[in-house]
PDB file of N, CA and C in Angstrom:
ATOM      1  N   UNK A   1     -23.149  -9.081 -71.620  1.00  0.00           N
ATOM      2  CA  UNK A   1     -23.939  -9.379 -72.791  1.00  0.00           C
ATOM      3  C   UNK A   1     -25.381  -8.973 -72.510  1.00  0.00           C
ATOM      4  N   UNK A   2     -25.964  -8.255 -73.453  1.00  0.00           N
ATOM      5  CA  UNK A   2     -27.363  -7.838 -73.366  1.00  0.00           C
ATOM      6  C   UNK A   2     -28.124  -8.532 -74.483  1.00  0.00           C
ATOM      7  N   UNK A   3     -29.210  -9.189 -74.130  1.00  0.00           N
ATOM      8  CA  UNK A   3     -30.073  -9.844 -75.114  1.00  0.00           C
ATOM      9  C   UNK A   3     -31.464  -9.251 -74.970  1.00  0.00           C
ATOM     10  N   UNK A   4     -32.016  -8.810 -76.097  1.00  0.00           N
ATOM     11  CA  UNK A   4     -33.383  -8.287 -76.078  1.00  0.00           C
ATOM     12  C   UNK A   4     -34.229  -9.037 -77.097  1.00  0.00           C
ATOM     13  N   UNK A   5     -35.522  -9.049 -76.845  1.00  0.00           N
ATOM     14  CA  UNK A   5     -36.456  -9.698 -77.764  1.00  0.00           C
ATOM     15  C   UNK A   5     -37.738  -8.886 -77.809  1.00  0.00           C
ATOM     16  N   UNK A   6     -38.290  -8.767 -79.008  1.00  0.00           N
ATOM     17  CA  UNK A   6     -39.622  -8.204 -79.195  1.00  0.00           C
ATOM     18  C   UNK A   6     -40.520  -9.340 -79.645  1.00  0.00           C
ATOM     19  N   UNK A   7     -41.595  -9.545 -78.917  1.00  0.00           N
ATOM     20  CA  UNK A   7     -42.491 -10.668 -79.159  1.00  0.00           C
ATOM     21  C   UNK A   7     -43.863 -10.137 -79.541  1.00  0.00           C
ATOM     22  N   UNK A   8     -44.309 -10.461 -80.744  1.00  0.00           N
ATOM     23  CA  UNK A   8     -45.679 -10.160 -81.155  1.00  0.00           C
ATOM     24  C   UNK A   8     -46.549 -11.344 -80.788  1.00  0.00           C
ATOM     25  N   UNK A   9     -47.755 -11.049 -80.345  1.00  0.00           N
ATOM     26  CA  UNK A   9     -48.634 -12.138 -79.963  1.00  0.00           C
ATOM     27  C   UNK A   9     -50.093 -11.775 -80.112  1.00  0.00           C
ATOM     28  N   UNK A  10     -50.904 -12.814 -80.065  1.00  0.00           N
ATOM     29  CA  UNK A  10     -52.353 -12.668 -80.152  1.00  0.00           C
ATOM     30  C   UNK A  10     -52.961 -13.345 -78.933  1.00  0.00           C
ATOM     31  N   UNK A  11     -53.921 -12.654 -78.328  1.00  0.00           N
ATOM     32  CA  UNK A  11     -54.667 -13.208 -77.201  1.00  0.00           C
ATOM     33  C   UNK A  11     -56.094 -13.413 -77.702  1.00  0.00           C
ATOM     34  N   UNK A  12     -56.391 -14.612 -78.162  1.00  0.00           N
ATOM     35  CA  UNK A  12     -57.671 -14.888 -78.805  1.00  0.00           C
ATOM     36  C   UNK A  12     -58.855 -14.779 -77.854  1.00  0.00           C
ATOM     37  N   UNK A  13     -58.672 -15.129 -76.592  1.00  0.00           N
ATOM     38  CA  UNK A  13     -59.787 -15.139 -75.647  1.00  0.00           C
ATOM     39  C   UNK A  13     -60.146 -13.763 -75.109  1.00  0.00           C
ATOM     40  N   UNK A  14     -59.338 -12.758 -75.385  1.00  0.00           N
ATOM     41  CA  UNK A  14     -59.606 -11.417 -74.866  1.00  0.00           C
ATOM     42  C   UNK A  14     -60.828 -10.827 -75.562  1.00  0.00           C
ATOM     43  N   UNK A  15     -61.796 -10.425 -74.771  1.00  0.00           N
ATOM     44  CA  UNK A  15     -63.007  -9.801 -75.300  1.00  0.00           C
ATOM     45  C   UNK A  15     -63.004  -8.287 -75.096  1.00  0.00           C
ATOM     46  N   UNK A  16     -62.009  -7.788 -74.378  1.00  0.00           N
ATOM     47  CA  UNK A  16     -61.907  -6.359 -74.111  1.00  0.00           C
ATOM     48  C   UNK A  16     -60.454  -6.035 -73.755  1.00  0.00           C
ATOM     49  N   UNK A  17     -60.161  -4.748 -73.671  1.00  0.00           N
ATOM     50  CA  UNK A  17     -58.823  -4.334 -73.246  1.00  0.00           C
ATOM     51  C   UNK A  17     -58.549  -4.778 -71.811  1.00  0.00           C
ATOM     52  N   UNK A  18     -59.593  -4.802 -70.995  1.00  0.00           N
ATOM     53  CA  UNK A  18     -59.442  -5.239 -69.605  1.00  0.00           C
ATOM     54  C   UNK A  18     -58.997  -6.703 -69.541  1.00  0.00           C
ATOM     55  N   UNK A  19     -59.604  -7.553 -70.358  1.00  0.00           N
ATOM     56  CA  UNK A  19     -59.207  -8.966 -70.412  1.00  0.00           C
ATOM     57  C   UNK A  19     -57.763  -9.103 -70.895  1.00  0.00           C
ATOM     58  N   UNK A  20     -57.426  -8.355 -71.949  1.00  0.00           N
ATOM     59  CA  UNK A  20     -56.072  -8.418 -72.506  1.00  0.00           C
ATOM     60  C   UNK A  20     -55.045  -8.011 -71.458  1.00  0.00           C
ATOM     61  N   UNK A  21     -55.315  -6.924 -70.768  1.00  0.00           N
ATOM     62  CA  UNK A  21     -54.358  -6.432 -69.774  1.00  0.00           C
ATOM     63  C   UNK A  21     -54.217  -7.393 -68.599  1.00  0.00           C
ATOM     64  N   UNK A  22     -55.299  -8.078 -68.249  1.00  0.00           N
ATOM     65  CA  UNK A  22     -55.218  -9.069 -67.167  1.00  0.00           C
ATOM     66  C   UNK A  22     -54.297 -10.222 -67.563  1.00  0.00           C
ATOM     67  N   UNK A  23     -54.438 -10.703 -68.795  1.00  0.00           N
ATOM     68  CA  UNK A  23     -53.578 -11.790 -69.282  1.00  0.00           C
ATOM     69  C   UNK A  23     -52.129 -11.321 -69.348  1.00  0.00           C
ATOM     70  N   UNK A  24     -51.905 -10.139 -69.937  1.00  0.00           N
ATOM     71  CA  UNK A  24     -50.537  -9.620 -70.056  1.00  0.00           C
ATOM     72  C   UNK A  24     -49.896  -9.371 -68.697  1.00  0.00           C
ATOM     73  N   UNK A  25     -50.672  -8.831 -67.771  1.00  0.00           N
ATOM     74  CA  UNK A  25     -50.121  -8.557 -66.442  1.00  0.00           C
ATOM     75  C   UNK A  25     -49.666  -9.850 -65.774  1.00  0.00           C
ATOM     76  N   UNK A  26     -50.470 -10.900 -65.899  1.00  0.00           N
ATOM     77  CA  UNK A  26     -50.103 -12.189 -65.307  1.00  0.00           C
ATOM     78  C   UNK A  26     -48.821 -12.732 -65.944  1.00  0.00           C
ATOM     79  N   UNK A  27     -48.734 -12.672 -67.280  1.00  0.00           N
ATOM     80  CA  UNK A  27     -47.550 -13.176 -67.979  1.00  0.00           C
ATOM     81  C   UNK A  27     -46.314 -12.352 -67.617  1.00  0.00           C
ATOM     82  N   UNK A  28     -46.436 -11.035 -67.666  1.00  0.00           N
ATOM     83  CA  UNK A  28     -45.278 -10.174 -67.418  1.00  0.00           C
ATOM     84  C   UNK A  28     -44.800 -10.264 -65.967  1.00  0.00           C
ATOM     85  N   UNK A  29     -45.722 -10.353 -65.023  1.00  0.00           N
ATOM     86  CA  UNK A  29     -45.333 -10.485 -63.616  1.00  0.00           C
ATOM     87  C   UNK A  29     -44.593 -11.794 -63.376  1.00  0.00           C
ATOM     88  N   UNK A  30     -45.086 -12.863 -63.944  1.00  0.00           N
ATOM     89  CA  UNK A  30     -44.429 -14.163 -63.765  1.00  0.00           C
ATOM     90  C   UNK A  30     -43.063 -14.190 -64.442  1.00  0.00           C
ATOM     91  N   UNK A  31     -42.930 -13.536 -65.608  1.00  0.00           N
ATOM     92  CA  UNK A  31     -41.619 -13.450 -66.266  1.00  0.00           C
ATOM     93  C   UNK A  31     -40.617 -12.716 -65.381  1.00  0.00           C
ATOM     94  N   UNK A  32     -41.041 -11.588 -64.811  1.00  0.00           N
ATOM     95  CA  UNK A  32     -40.149 -10.822 -63.932  1.00  0.00           C
ATOM     96  C   UNK A  32     -39.726 -11.652 -62.721  1.00  0.00           C
ATOM     97  N   UNK A  33     -40.681 -12.351 -62.135  1.00  0.00           N
ATOM     98  CA  UNK A  33     -40.391 -13.123 -60.922  1.00  0.00           C
ATOM     99  C   UNK A  33     -39.552 -14.368 -61.199  1.00  0.00           C
ATOM    100  N   UNK A  34     -39.843 -15.074 -62.280  1.00  0.00           N
ATOM    101  CA  UNK A  34     -39.165 -16.345 -62.572  1.00  0.00           C
ATOM    102  C   UNK A  34     -37.761 -16.145 -63.143  1.00  0.00           C
ATOM    103  N   UNK A  35     -37.593 -15.121 -64.002  1.00  0.00           N
ATOM    104  CA  UNK A  35     -36.343 -14.988 -64.749  1.00  0.00           C
ATOM    105  C   UNK A  35     -35.565 -13.709 -64.446  1.00  0.00           C
ATOM    106  N   UNK A  36     -36.131 -12.821 -63.626  1.00  0.00           N
ATOM    107  CA  UNK A  36     -35.471 -11.565 -63.277  1.00  0.00           C
ATOM    108  C   UNK A  36     -35.050 -10.791 -64.530  1.00  0.00           C
ATOM    109  N   UNK A  37     -36.000 -10.617 -65.453  1.00  0.00           N
ATOM    110  CA  UNK A  37     -35.757  -9.868 -66.680  1.00  0.00           C
ATOM    111  C   UNK A  37     -36.671  -8.650 -66.717  1.00  0.00           C
ATOM    112  N   UNK A  38     -36.304  -7.675 -67.529  1.00  0.00           N
ATOM    113  CA  UNK A  38     -37.158  -6.513 -67.744  1.00  0.00           C
ATOM    114  C   UNK A  38     -38.154  -6.851 -68.846  1.00  0.00           C
ATOM    115  N   UNK A  39     -39.414  -6.490 -68.638  1.00  0.00           N
ATOM    116  CA  UNK A  39     -40.450  -6.787 -69.622  1.00  0.00           C
ATOM    117  C   UNK A  39     -41.480  -5.658 -69.623  1.00  0.00           C
ATOM    118  N   UNK A  40     -41.949  -5.301 -70.829  1.00  0.00           N
ATOM    119  CA  UNK A  40     -42.919  -4.224 -70.963  1.00  0.00           C
ATOM    120  C   UNK A  40     -43.731  -4.407 -72.237  1.00  0.00           C
ATOM    121  N   UNK A  41     -44.965  -3.907 -72.224  1.00  0.00           N
ATOM    122  CA  UNK A  41     -45.762  -3.892 -73.446  1.00  0.00           C
ATOM    123  C   UNK A  41     -45.288  -2.707 -74.285  1.00  0.00           C
ATOM    124  N   UNK A  42     -44.936  -2.962 -75.546  1.00  0.00           N
ATOM    125  CA  UNK A  42     -44.343  -1.932 -76.389  1.00  0.00           C
ATOM    126  C   UNK A  42     -45.333  -1.275 -77.341  1.00  0.00           C
ATOM    127  N   UNK A  43     -46.205  -2.060 -77.936  1.00  0.00           N
ATOM    128  CA  UNK A  43     -47.128  -1.526 -78.941  1.00  0.00           C
ATOM    129  C   UNK A  43     -48.496  -2.166 -78.807  1.00  0.00           C
ATOM    130  N   UNK A  44     -49.426  -1.614 -79.555  1.00  0.00           N
ATOM    131  CA  UNK A  44     -50.797  -2.126 -79.666  1.00  0.00           C
ATOM    132  C   UNK A  44     -51.536  -2.082 -78.330  1.00  0.00           C
ATOM    133  N   UNK A  45     -51.278  -1.056 -77.514  1.00  0.00           N
ATOM    134  CA  UNK A  45     -51.950  -0.959 -76.225  1.00  0.00           C
ATOM    135  C   UNK A  45     -53.462  -0.783 -76.362  1.00  0.00           C
ATOM    136  N   UNK A  46     -53.919  -0.231 -77.478  1.00  0.00           N
ATOM    137  CA  UNK A  46     -55.354   0.004 -77.627  1.00  0.00           C
ATOM    138  C   UNK A  46     -56.040  -1.010 -78.544  1.00  0.00           C
ATOM    139  N   UNK A  47     -55.357  -2.092 -78.892  1.00  0.00           N
ATOM    140  CA  UNK A  47     -55.987  -3.199 -79.618  1.00  0.00           C
ATOM    141  C   UNK A  47     -56.210  -4.332 -78.629  1.00  0.00           C
ATOM    142  N   UNK A  48     -57.392  -4.912 -78.625  1.00  0.00           N
ATOM    143  CA  UNK A  48     -57.739  -5.846 -77.557  1.00  0.00           C
ATOM    144  C   UNK A  48     -57.329  -7.286 -77.788  1.00  0.00           C
ATOM    145  N   UNK A  49     -56.800  -7.655 -78.939  1.00  0.00           N
ATOM    146  CA  UNK A  49     -56.319  -9.025 -79.120  1.00  0.00           C
ATOM    147  C   UNK A  49     -54.846  -9.105 -79.497  1.00  0.00           C
ATOM    148  N   UNK A  50     -54.278  -8.037 -79.975  1.00  0.00           N
ATOM    149  CA  UNK A  50     -52.898  -8.057 -80.454  1.00  0.00           C
ATOM    150  C   UNK A  50     -51.996  -7.332 -79.463  1.00  0.00           C
ATOM    151  N   UNK A  51     -50.743  -7.784 -79.370  1.00  0.00           N
ATOM    152  CA  UNK A  51     -49.801  -7.139 -78.461  1.00  0.00           C
ATOM    153  C   UNK A  51     -48.367  -7.333 -78.944  1.00  0.00           C
ATOM    154  N   UNK A  52     -47.504  -6.482 -78.457  1.00  0.00           N
ATOM    155  CA  UNK A  52     -46.054  -6.641 -78.644  1.00  0.00           C
ATOM    156  C   UNK A  52     -45.404  -6.338 -77.297  1.00  0.00           C
ATOM    157  N   UNK A  53     -44.655  -7.314 -76.802  1.00  0.00           N
ATOM    158  CA  UNK A  53     -43.953  -7.101 -75.543  1.00  0.00           C
ATOM    159  C   UNK A  53     -42.452  -7.169 -75.787  1.00  0.00           C
ATOM    160  N   UNK A  54     -41.724  -6.434 -74.987  1.00  0.00           N
ATOM    161  CA  UNK A  54     -40.270  -6.428 -75.077  1.00  0.00           C
ATOM    162  C   UNK A  54     -39.671  -7.052 -73.835  1.00  0.00           C
ATOM    163  N   UNK A  55     -38.619  -7.835 -74.035  1.00  0.00           N
ATOM    164  CA  UNK A  55     -37.913  -8.483 -72.933  1.00  0.00           C
ATOM    165  C   UNK A  55     -36.430  -8.152 -73.054  1.00  0.00           C
ATOM    166  N   UNK A  56     -35.779  -7.920 -71.928  1.00  0.00           N
ATOM    167  CA  UNK A  56     -34.342  -7.644 -71.924  1.00  0.00           C
ATOM    168  C   UNK A  56     -33.713  -8.364 -70.744  1.00  0.00           C
ATOM    169  N   UNK A  57     -32.580  -9.005 -71.003  1.00  0.00           N
ATOM    170  CA  UNK A  57     -31.801  -9.621 -69.931  1.00  0.00           C
ATOM    171  C   UNK A  57     -30.334  -9.250 -70.103  1.00  0.00           C
ATOM    172  N   UNK A  58     -29.644  -9.157 -68.993  1.00  0.00           N
ATOM    173  CA  UNK A  58     -28.221  -8.806 -68.992  1.00  0.00           C
ATOM    174  C   UNK A  58     -27.477  -9.860 -68.179  1.00  0.00           C
ATOM    175  N   UNK A  59     -26.367 -10.327 -68.718  1.00  0.00           N
ATOM    176  CA  UNK A  59     -25.532 -11.302 -68.003  1.00  0.00           C
ATOM    177  C   UNK A  59     -24.079 -11.088 -68.403  1.00  0.00           C
ATOM    178  N   UNK A  60     -23.180 -11.553 -67.578  1.00  0.00           N
ATOM    179  CA  UNK A  60     -21.755 -11.404 -67.880  1.00  0.00           C
ATOM    180  C   UNK A  60     -21.299 -12.376 -68.956  1.00  0.00           C
ATOM    181  N   UNK A  61     -22.073 -13.434 -69.180  1.00  0.00           N
ATOM    182  CA  UNK A  61     -21.716 -14.463 -70.153  1.00  0.00           C
ATOM    183  C   UNK A  61     -22.802 -14.558 -71.227  1.00  0.00           C
ATOM    184  N   UNK A  62     -22.389 -14.626 -72.480  1.00  0.00           N
ATOM    185  CA  UNK A  62     -23.326 -14.696 -73.606  1.00  0.00           C
ATOM    186  C   UNK A  62     -24.226 -15.923 -73.516  1.00  0.00           C
ATOM    187  N   UNK A  63     -23.663 -17.050 -73.151  1.00  0.00           N
ATOM    188  CA  UNK A  63     -24.422 -18.305 -73.080  1.00  0.00           C
ATOM    189  C   UNK A  63     -25.535 -18.204 -72.037  1.00  0.00           C
ATOM    190  N   UNK A  64     -25.231 -17.631 -70.898  1.00  0.00           N
ATOM    191  CA  UNK A  64     -26.229 -17.502 -69.837  1.00  0.00           C
ATOM    192  C   UNK A  64     -27.347 -16.557 -70.264  1.00  0.00           C
ATOM    193  N   UNK A  65     -26.992 -15.431 -70.895  1.00  0.00           N
ATOM    194  CA  UNK A  65     -28.004 -14.479 -71.356  1.00  0.00           C
ATOM    195  C   UNK A  65     -28.919 -15.115 -72.397  1.00  0.00           C
ATOM    196  N   UNK A  66     -28.346 -15.829 -73.354  1.00  0.00           N
ATOM    197  CA  UNK A  66     -29.156 -16.489 -74.381  1.00  0.00           C
ATOM    198  C   UNK A  66     -30.027 -17.586 -73.781  1.00  0.00           C
ATOM    199  N   UNK A  67     -29.485 -18.328 -72.846  1.00  0.00           N
ATOM    200  CA  UNK A  67     -30.241 -19.397 -72.198  1.00  0.00           C
ATOM    201  C   UNK A  67     -31.433 -18.822 -71.419  1.00  0.00           C
ATOM    202  N   UNK A  68     -31.202 -17.732 -70.704  1.00  0.00           N
ATOM    203  CA  UNK A  68     -32.283 -17.088 -69.961  1.00  0.00           C
ATOM    204  C   UNK A  68     -33.377 -16.611 -70.904  1.00  0.00           C
ATOM    205  N   UNK A  69     -32.990 -16.005 -72.024  1.00  0.00           N
ATOM    206  CA  UNK A  69     -33.981 -15.509 -72.976  1.00  0.00           C
ATOM    207  C   UNK A  69     -34.763 -16.662 -73.598  1.00  0.00           C
ATOM    208  N   UNK A  70     -34.096 -17.740 -73.955  1.00  0.00           N
ATOM    209  CA  UNK A  70     -34.792 -18.896 -74.537  1.00  0.00           C
ATOM    210  C   UNK A  70     -35.765 -19.518 -73.536  1.00  0.00           C
ATOM    211  N   UNK A  71     -35.372 -19.568 -72.280  1.00  0.00           N
ATOM    212  CA  UNK A  71     -36.271 -20.092 -71.251  1.00  0.00           C
ATOM    213  C   UNK A  71     -37.481 -19.179 -71.070  1.00  0.00           C
ATOM    214  N   UNK A  72     -37.259 -17.867 -71.128  1.00  0.00           N
ATOM    215  CA  UNK A  72     -38.368 -16.919 -71.002  1.00  0.00           C
ATOM    216  C   UNK A  72     -39.333 -17.049 -72.179  1.00  0.00           C
ATOM    217  N   UNK A  73     -38.802 -17.209 -73.394  1.00  0.00           N
ATOM    218  CA  UNK A  73     -39.663 -17.374 -74.569  1.00  0.00           C
ATOM    219  C   UNK A  73     -40.444 -18.683 -74.494  1.00  0.00           C
ATOM    220  N   UNK A  74     -39.816 -19.737 -74.027  1.00  0.00           N
ATOM    221  CA  UNK A  74     -40.523 -21.012 -73.849  1.00  0.00           C
ATOM    222  C   UNK A  74     -41.603 -20.875 -72.778  1.00  0.00           C
ATOM    223  N   UNK A  75     -41.323 -20.093 -71.759  1.00  0.00           N
ATOM    224  CA  UNK A  75     -42.300 -19.847 -70.700  1.00  0.00           C
ATOM    225  C   UNK A  75     -43.518 -19.113 -71.259  1.00  0.00           C
ATOM    226  N   UNK A  76     -43.282 -18.128 -72.129  1.00  0.00           N
ATOM    227  CA  UNK A  76     -44.398 -17.420 -72.777  1.00  0.00           C
ATOM    228  C   UNK A  76     -45.239 -18.404 -73.576  1.00  0.00           C
ATOM    229  N   UNK A  77     -44.581 -19.312 -74.274  1.00  0.00           N
ATOM    230  CA  UNK A  77     -45.300 -20.306 -75.081  1.00  0.00           C
ATOM    231  C   UNK A  77     -46.129 -21.262 -74.234  1.00  0.00           C
ATOM    232  N   UNK A  78     -45.838 -21.373 -72.955  1.00  0.00           N
ATOM    233  CA  UNK A  78     -46.582 -22.296 -72.093  1.00  0.00           C
ATOM    234  C   UNK A  78     -47.962 -21.767 -71.712  1.00  0.00           C
ATOM    235  N   UNK A  79     -48.243 -20.498 -71.991  1.00  0.00           N
ATOM    236  CA  UNK A  79     -49.557 -19.930 -71.690  1.00  0.00           C
ATOM    237  C   UNK A  79     -50.501 -20.223 -72.854  1.00  0.00           C
ATOM    238  N   UNK A  80     -51.565 -20.986 -72.625  1.00  0.00           N
ATOM    239  CA  UNK A  80     -52.454 -21.360 -73.729  1.00  0.00           C
ATOM    240  C   UNK A  80     -53.231 -20.181 -74.308  1.00  0.00           C
ATOM    241  N   UNK A  81     -53.432 -19.121 -73.532  1.00  0.00           N
ATOM    242  CA  UNK A  81     -54.204 -17.980 -74.013  1.00  0.00           C
ATOM    243  C   UNK A  81     -53.374 -17.010 -74.861  1.00  0.00           C
ATOM    244  N   UNK A  82     -52.060 -17.222 -74.937  1.00  0.00           N
ATOM    245  CA  UNK A  82     -51.174 -16.323 -75.681  1.00  0.00           C
ATOM    246  C   UNK A  82     -50.500 -17.098 -76.804  1.00  0.00           C
ATOM    247  N   UNK A  83     -50.676 -16.620 -78.036  1.00  0.00           N
ATOM    248  CA  UNK A  83     -49.996 -17.245 -79.175  1.00  0.00           C
ATOM    249  C   UNK A  83     -48.909 -16.302 -79.676  1.00  0.00           C
ATOM    250  N   UNK A  84     -47.672 -16.759 -79.604  1.00  0.00           N
ATOM    251  CA  UNK A  84     -46.540 -15.965 -80.096  1.00  0.00           C
ATOM    252  C   UNK A  84     -46.508 -16.085 -81.610  1.00  0.00           C
ATOM    253  N   UNK A  85     -46.599 -14.950 -82.310  1.00  0.00           N
ATOM    254  CA  UNK A  85     -46.646 -14.982 -83.770  1.00  0.00           C
ATOM    255  C   UNK A  85     -45.317 -14.624 -84.415  1.00  0.00           C
ATOM    256  N   UNK A  86     -44.568 -13.740 -83.779  1.00  0.00           N
ATOM    257  CA  UNK A  86     -43.300 -13.297 -84.367  1.00  0.00           C
ATOM    258  C   UNK A  86     -42.363 -12.866 -83.246  1.00  0.00           C
ATOM    259  N   UNK A  87     -41.079 -13.173 -83.412  1.00  0.00           N
ATOM    260  CA  UNK A  87     -40.088 -12.809 -82.401  1.00  0.00           C
ATOM    261  C   UNK A  87     -38.832 -12.286 -83.090  1.00  0.00           C
ATOM    262  N   UNK A  88     -38.351 -11.137 -82.614  1.00  0.00           N
ATOM    263  CA  UNK A  88     -37.092 -10.561 -83.103  1.00  0.00           C
ATOM    264  C   UNK A  88     -36.146 -10.447 -81.915  1.00  0.00           C
ATOM    265  N   UNK A  89     -34.935 -10.975 -82.070  1.00  0.00           N
ATOM    266  CA  UNK A  89     -33.941 -10.906 -81.003  1.00  0.00           C
ATOM    267  C   UNK A  89     -32.742 -10.089 -81.447  1.00  0.00           C
ATOM    268  N   UNK A  90     -32.126  -9.405 -80.464  1.00  0.00           N
ATOM    269  CA  UNK A  90     -30.896  -8.652 -80.702  1.00  0.00           C
ATOM    270  C   UNK A  90     -29.906  -8.971 -79.597  1.00  0.00           C
ATOM    271  N   UNK A  91     -28.641  -8.986 -79.959  1.00  0.00           N
ATOM    272  CA  UNK A  91     -27.558  -9.202 -79.010  1.00  0.00           C
ATOM    273  C   UNK A  91     -26.656  -7.978 -79.042  1.00  0.00           C
ATOM    274  N   UNK A  92     -26.360  -7.428 -77.885  1.00  0.00           N
ATOM    275  CA  UNK A  92     -25.483  -6.257 -77.802  1.00  0.00           C
ATOM    276  C   UNK A  92     -24.268  -6.572 -76.957  1.00  0.00           C
TER     277      UNK A  92
END
């Protein structure tokens, strides 16, 4: 089972692209380390407050894949500097 998610978000405290990338790098690195998922910035690389990141996880069981993705999304929500505005999920 493959579960993917596209997450749109706003980083209100970012005053420059450098600040935005520092916040995103910290979030994406921790996601990779904690949940062993693939994560990348997909769009809005040149906007300093808006972002879209993609997450993908693969598991042999649908329940485990969905659980991992839900935990990763909750983990993203735990960062006070990142506000998740929209999320689209797909199951393959």
